[in-house]
Amino acid sequence: MSSQTYQDYLQAAIAKLQAAGVPSPEFDARVLMAHLLHCGHLDIPLREEPMPGFALACDPLIQRRSQREPLQHILGEAYFGPLELAVGPGVFIPRPETEVLADWAVGQMQGIPSPRIVDLCTGTGALALYIAHYLPAQVWAVELSDAAFTYTQRNTSGSRVEAVLDDATSASTLAELNGSIDMVVTNPPYVPETDDLDPEVYQDPHEAVFGGDDGMSVIVKLVPTIARLLKPGGLVGIEHDDATSELVQDALRDHGGFADIAVLKDLTGTARFVTARRVSESPAG
């Protein structure tokens, strides 16, 4: 796209993304331009003439986004609260709504010296790293996928988070920690199988997004793991699909080892998380 000013280039890029059905064409165009200019997306010198070679560098990025490649994949990074996380094909891109669960976790653990926290189905390590950023916590981050674990390790390198390659639904995973954990958080695969979501969603690993026909296949298998890891009084926060709050509550209730089962809403007012407190052992485990 040729242009006389950055403003001209921006308008042409917006039009291209808009025509492709990108939900936020202006924001995405600005971010991609700012990425090359090493400035904030609101700090682009719109009245200035583009530097030599700018269009040559930016055109392929706009083209990739117009083909609905996720913005975060093009940039190679995603922001989660104060964190800048490496992302790419093979790992789930953390969403802003999950920050509500992260904030809840930090708030609940305030004042507890060296809390012990486990993040199941961690992906990039977003929840684990957010918690470790704000709390003097011991944190374990469990991920099953080899491809995703590459990003878990990259993002947690040099942090206090211990990355663990294992199946979060297995009875042996972190068994040495049974009954000693203050909190478990998880953003597991929870979307019911469907083919009518935005194209970008299908660029995330299928196994990191979808949780069977009802979105509950992984969550149900996680409940015994959560129960055995938590100490009595320990807390859990589970992210879920906007249609499955009751099913998640029922899964915890049916186990018999949880009390104070409650709904936590996201910033749009949607029931997006279920929280609960571990009570004494039950026959279910």
Protein backbone atom coordinates (compact mmCIF):
# COMPACT_ATOMS: atom_id res chain seq x y z
CA MET A 1 0.00 0.00 0.00
CA SER A 2 1.53 3.29 -1.07
CA SER A 3 0.98 6.40 1.01
CA GLN A 4 2.00 10.05 1.37
CA THR A 5 1.76 10.02 5.16
CA TYR A 6 1.40 7.47 7.93
CA GLN A 7 -2.23 8.63 8.16
CA ASP A 8 -2.80 7.63 4.53
CA TYR A 9 -1.19 4.25 5.16
CA LEU A 10 -3.28 3.73 8.29
CA GLN A 11 -6.55 4.45 6.47
CA ALA A 12 -5.65 2.03 3.67
CA ALA A 13 -4.70 -0.65 6.19
CA ILE A 14 -7.93 -0.16 8.13
CA ALA A 15 -9.94 -0.53 4.91
CA LYS A 16 -8.12 -3.76 4.05
CA LEU A 17 -8.68 -5.28 7.49
CA GLN A 18 -12.28 -4.10 7.59
CA ALA A 19 -12.97 -5.77 4.25
CA ALA A 20 -11.51 -9.00 5.63
CA GLY A 21 -13.91 -8.95 8.59
CA VAL A 22 -11.27 -8.26 11.27
CA PRO A 23 -13.24 -7.22 14.38
CA SER A 24 -10.93 -4.34 15.42
CA PRO A 25 -9.37 -3.07 12.18
CA GLU A 26 -8.12 0.31 13.40
CA PHE A 27 -6.57 -1.01 16.59
CA ASP A 28 -4.88 -3.90 14.80
CA ALA A 29 -3.53 -1.68 12.01
CA ARG A 30 -2.17 0.79 14.55
CA VAL A 31 -0.51 -1.94 16.61
CA LEU A 32 1.19 -3.47 13.60
CA MET A 33 2.44 -0.07 12.42
CA ALA A 34 3.61 0.86 15.91
CA HIS A 35 5.40 -2.48 16.19
CA LEU A 36 7.64 -1.49 13.27
CA LEU A 37 8.00 2.11 14.43
CA HIS A 38 8.86 1.13 18.02
CA CYS A 39 6.27 3.49 19.47
CA GLY A 40 2.89 3.30 21.18
CA HIS A 41 -0.08 2.63 18.93
CA LEU A 42 -1.42 6.10 19.71
CA ASP A 43 1.97 7.74 19.13
CA ILE A 44 2.32 7.12 15.39
CA PRO A 45 3.41 10.39 13.70
CA LEU A 46 0.43 10.35 11.37
CA ARG A 47 1.24 13.56 9.53
CA GLU A 48 4.76 12.51 8.66
CA GLU A 49 5.93 10.79 5.50
CA PRO A 50 6.70 7.09 6.10
CA MET A 51 10.33 6.15 6.46
CA PRO A 52 11.93 4.45 3.46
CA GLY A 53 10.89 0.80 3.24
CA PHE A 54 8.03 1.13 5.73
CA ALA A 55 5.34 -0.10 3.36
CA LEU A 56 7.56 -2.95 2.23
CA ALA A 57 7.88 -4.10 5.85
CA CYS A 58 4.32 -3.44 6.98
CA ASP A 59 2.36 -4.70 3.96
CA PRO A 60 3.08 -8.39 4.75
CA LEU A 61 1.96 -7.89 8.36
CA ILE A 62 -1.33 -6.30 7.28
CA GLN A 63 -1.79 -9.09 4.74
CA ARG A 64 -1.28 -11.78 7.41
CA ARG A 65 -3.84 -10.10 9.66
CA SER A 66 -6.30 -9.79 6.78
CA GLN A 67 -6.03 -13.56 6.43
CA ARG A 68 -7.17 -13.71 10.08
CA GLU A 69 -3.86 -14.80 11.54
CA PRO A 70 -4.05 -13.74 15.19
CA LEU A 71 -2.46 -10.38 15.92
CA GLN A 72 -0.47 -11.93 18.76
CA HIS A 73 1.05 -14.54 16.44
CA ILE A 74 2.21 -11.83 14.06
CA LEU A 75 3.79 -9.90 16.92
CA GLY A 76 5.06 -13.01 18.68
CA GLU A 77 3.80 -11.70 22.02
CA ALA A 78 0.68 -11.18 24.08
CA TYR A 79 0.06 -8.94 27.06
CA PHE A 80 -1.49 -10.25 30.25
CA GLY A 81 -1.73 -7.65 32.98
CA PRO A 82 1.85 -6.39 33.48
CA LEU A 83 3.32 -9.37 31.63
CA GLU A 84 4.60 -9.63 28.08
CA LEU A 85 4.37 -13.29 27.10
CA ALA A 86 5.86 -15.13 24.15
CA VAL A 87 3.16 -16.77 22.03
CA GLY A 88 2.91 -18.51 18.70
CA PRO A 89 1.38 -21.50 16.93
CA GLY A 90 0.97 -24.35 19.39
CA VAL A 91 0.00 -22.40 22.49
CA PHE A 92 -3.27 -20.80 23.58
CA ILE A 93 -3.23 -17.01 23.46
CA PRO A 94 -4.23 -15.66 26.92
CA ARG A 95 -7.37 -13.53 26.88
CA PRO A 96 -7.98 -10.35 28.91
CA GLU A 97 -10.98 -11.86 30.74
CA THR A 98 -8.67 -14.34 32.48
CA GLU A 99 -7.07 -11.40 34.29
CA VAL A 100 -10.20 -11.33 36.47
CA LEU A 101 -9.35 -14.81 37.74
CA ALA A 102 -5.72 -13.78 38.23
CA ASP A 103 -6.77 -10.73 40.25
CA TRP A 104 -9.12 -12.85 42.36
CA ALA A 105 -6.31 -15.29 43.10
CA VAL A 106 -3.90 -12.56 44.16
CA GLY A 107 -6.54 -10.93 46.36
CA GLN A 108 -7.41 -14.19 48.11
CA MET A 109 -3.80 -15.01 48.88
CA GLN A 110 -2.81 -11.57 50.19
CA GLY A 111 -1.30 -11.81 53.66
CA ILE A 112 -0.54 -15.53 53.46
CA PRO A 113 3.22 -16.04 53.83
CA SER A 114 4.69 -18.01 50.92
CA PRO A 115 1.43 -19.45 49.60
CA ARG A 116 1.69 -22.62 47.51
CA ILE A 117 -0.25 -22.33 44.25
CA VAL A 118 -0.76 -24.61 41.25
CA ASP A 119 -1.86 -23.49 37.78
CA LEU A 120 -3.31 -26.41 35.81
CA CYS A 121 -3.42 -26.32 31.98
CA THR A 122 -1.10 -23.33 32.12
CA GLY A 123 -0.27 -22.84 28.43
CA THR A 124 1.91 -19.71 28.28
CA GLY A 125 2.12 -19.68 32.07
CA ALA A 126 -0.01 -16.54 32.22
CA LEU A 127 -1.90 -17.22 35.45
CA ALA A 128 1.12 -18.65 37.24
CA LEU A 129 3.36 -15.75 36.26
CA TYR A 130 0.75 -13.11 37.11
CA ILE A 131 0.36 -14.58 40.60
CA ALA A 132 4.13 -14.89 41.09
CA HIS A 133 4.53 -11.27 39.94
CA TYR A 134 2.36 -9.99 42.79
CA LEU A 135 2.87 -12.56 45.55
CA PRO A 136 5.87 -14.17 47.27
CA ALA A 137 4.39 -17.50 46.25
CA GLN A 138 5.67 -20.94 45.34
CA VAL A 139 3.95 -21.65 42.03
CA TRP A 140 3.80 -24.76 39.87
CA ALA A 141 2.55 -24.52 36.28
CA VAL A 142 1.37 -27.75 34.64
CA GLU A 143 1.07 -28.18 30.86
CA LEU A 144 0.45 -31.35 28.82
CA SER A 145 1.31 -30.26 25.27
CA ASP A 146 4.95 -30.42 24.19
CA ALA A 147 4.41 -27.52 21.78
CA ALA A 148 2.76 -25.32 24.41
CA PHE A 149 5.33 -26.31 27.04
CA THR A 150 8.04 -24.74 24.90
CA TYR A 151 6.33 -21.40 25.58
CA THR A 152 5.70 -22.28 29.24
CA GLN A 153 9.42 -22.80 29.73
CA ARG A 154 10.37 -19.72 27.74
CA ASN A 155 8.03 -17.46 29.69
CA THR A 156 8.78 -18.88 33.14
CA SER A 157 12.56 -18.97 32.68
CA GLY A 158 14.20 -16.95 35.43
CA SER A 159 10.96 -16.67 37.43
CA ARG A 160 9.86 -18.37 40.64
CA VAL A 161 7.40 -20.50 38.66
CA GLU A 162 8.27 -24.18 38.26
CA ALA A 163 7.11 -25.46 34.85
CA VAL A 164 5.90 -29.06 34.85
CA LEU A 165 5.28 -31.10 31.69
CA ASP A 166 2.51 -33.51 32.69
CA ASP A 167 -1.16 -34.37 32.41
CA ALA A 168 -3.18 -32.25 34.82
CA THR A 169 -5.88 -34.94 34.97
CA SER A 170 -3.47 -37.71 36.03
CA ALA A 171 -3.55 -39.02 39.60
CA SER A 172 0.26 -38.97 39.71
CA THR A 173 0.85 -35.38 38.61
CA LEU A 174 2.41 -33.37 41.46
CA ALA A 175 1.40 -36.19 43.82
CA GLU A 176 4.21 -35.14 46.15
CA LEU A 177 2.23 -31.94 46.79
CA ASN A 178 -1.03 -33.66 47.73
CA GLY A 179 -2.86 -31.86 50.53
CA SER A 180 -0.36 -29.01 50.75
CA ILE A 181 -1.58 -26.48 48.19
CA ASP A 182 -3.27 -23.24 49.21
CA MET A 183 -4.85 -22.52 45.82
CA VAL A 184 -5.41 -24.09 42.43
CA VAL A 185 -6.28 -21.97 39.41
CA THR A 186 -7.06 -23.23 35.95
CA ASN A 187 -8.08 -21.92 32.55
CA PRO A 188 -8.65 -25.33 30.93
CA PRO A 189 -10.04 -26.27 27.51
CA TYR A 190 -13.73 -25.45 28.00
CA VAL A 191 -15.39 -24.36 24.75
CA PRO A 192 -18.11 -26.73 23.52
CA GLU A 193 -17.26 -28.21 20.11
CA THR A 194 -18.49 -25.83 17.42
CA ASP A 195 -17.49 -24.54 14.00
CA ASP A 196 -19.01 -21.07 14.15
CA LEU A 197 -16.43 -19.09 16.15
CA ASP A 198 -14.15 -16.34 14.82
CA PRO A 199 -11.43 -17.71 12.52
CA GLU A 200 -8.72 -16.62 14.97
CA VAL A 201 -9.99 -19.06 17.61
CA TYR A 202 -9.20 -22.02 15.38
CA GLN A 203 -5.58 -20.88 15.17
CA ASP A 204 -5.22 -21.81 18.84
CA PRO A 205 -4.50 -25.51 19.45
CA HIS A 206 -7.77 -27.45 19.31
CA GLU A 207 -6.92 -29.36 22.47
CA ALA A 208 -6.36 -26.09 24.36
CA VAL A 209 -9.73 -24.61 23.39
CA PHE A 210 -12.40 -27.27 23.16
CA GLY A 211 -13.71 -29.42 25.98
CA GLY A 212 -15.96 -31.91 24.23
CA ASP A 213 -19.57 -31.49 23.14
CA ASP A 214 -20.59 -29.69 26.35
CA GLY A 215 -17.25 -28.04 27.17
CA MET A 216 -16.93 -30.05 30.37
CA SER A 217 -14.80 -33.08 29.44
CA VAL A 218 -11.55 -31.68 30.86
CA ILE A 219 -13.04 -29.78 33.79
CA VAL A 220 -14.74 -32.91 35.16
CA LYS A 221 -11.42 -34.80 35.00
CA LEU A 222 -9.61 -31.93 36.76
CA VAL A 223 -11.83 -31.97 39.85
CA PRO A 224 -10.13 -35.00 41.50
CA THR A 225 -6.70 -33.45 40.85
CA ILE A 226 -7.81 -30.17 42.39
CA ALA A 227 -9.28 -31.98 45.40
CA ARG A 228 -6.17 -34.04 46.16
CA LEU A 229 -3.77 -31.10 45.78
CA LEU A 230 -5.63 -28.63 48.01
CA LYS A 231 -5.20 -28.55 51.76
CA PRO A 232 -8.41 -28.23 53.82
CA GLY A 233 -9.50 -24.61 53.42
CA GLY A 234 -7.59 -24.27 50.16
CA LEU A 235 -9.27 -22.41 47.30
CA VAL A 236 -9.89 -23.12 43.64
CA GLY A 237 -10.81 -20.85 40.74
CA ILE A 238 -11.92 -22.38 37.42
CA GLU A 239 -12.55 -20.50 34.19
CA HIS A 240 -15.35 -21.91 32.04
CA ASP A 241 -17.58 -21.27 29.05
CA ASP A 242 -20.32 -18.68 29.45
CA ALA A 243 -22.92 -21.46 29.15
CA THR A 244 -21.51 -23.94 31.68
CA SER A 245 -21.45 -22.21 35.06
CA GLU A 246 -24.10 -24.51 36.53
CA LEU A 247 -22.34 -27.61 35.21
CA VAL A 248 -19.02 -26.57 36.79
CA GLN A 249 -20.74 -25.85 40.09
CA ASP A 250 -22.44 -29.26 39.90
CA ALA A 251 -19.10 -31.00 39.23
CA LEU A 252 -17.61 -29.53 42.41
CA ARG A 253 -20.80 -30.16 44.40
CA ASP A 254 -21.04 -33.78 43.23
CA HIS A 255 -17.47 -34.44 44.35
CA GLY A 256 -18.47 -33.74 47.93
CA GLY A 257 -15.18 -32.18 48.96
CA PHE A 258 -15.94 -28.53 48.28
CA ALA A 259 -17.94 -25.79 49.99
CA ASP A 260 -18.63 -22.10 49.41
CA ILE A 261 -19.12 -22.79 45.70
CA ALA A 262 -19.65 -19.39 44.08
CA VAL A 263 -19.84 -17.58 40.77
CA LEU A 264 -17.27 -14.98 39.74
CA LYS A 265 -18.21 -12.76 36.80
CA ASP A 266 -15.97 -11.25 34.16
CA LEU A 267 -15.86 -7.54 33.35
CA THR A 268 -18.93 -7.86 31.07
CA GLY A 269 -20.99 -9.30 33.91
CA THR A 270 -20.91 -12.82 32.44
CA ALA A 271 -20.57 -15.81 34.77
CA ARG A 272 -17.08 -16.86 33.66
CA PHE A 273 -15.50 -18.51 36.73
CA VAL A 274 -16.47 -20.77 39.60
CA THR A 275 -14.65 -20.58 42.92
CA ALA A 276 -14.82 -22.94 45.89
CA ARG A 277 -13.14 -23.94 49.15
CA ARG A 278 -11.78 -27.41 49.91
CA VAL A 279 -13.27 -29.15 52.92
CA SER A 280 -12.37 -32.43 54.59
CA GLU A 281 -11.81 -35.58 52.58
CA SER A 282 -14.81 -37.25 51.01
CA PRO A 283 -15.36 -40.76 49.67
CA ALA A 284 -14.85 -39.31 46.17
CA GLY A 285 -11.26 -38.41 47.06
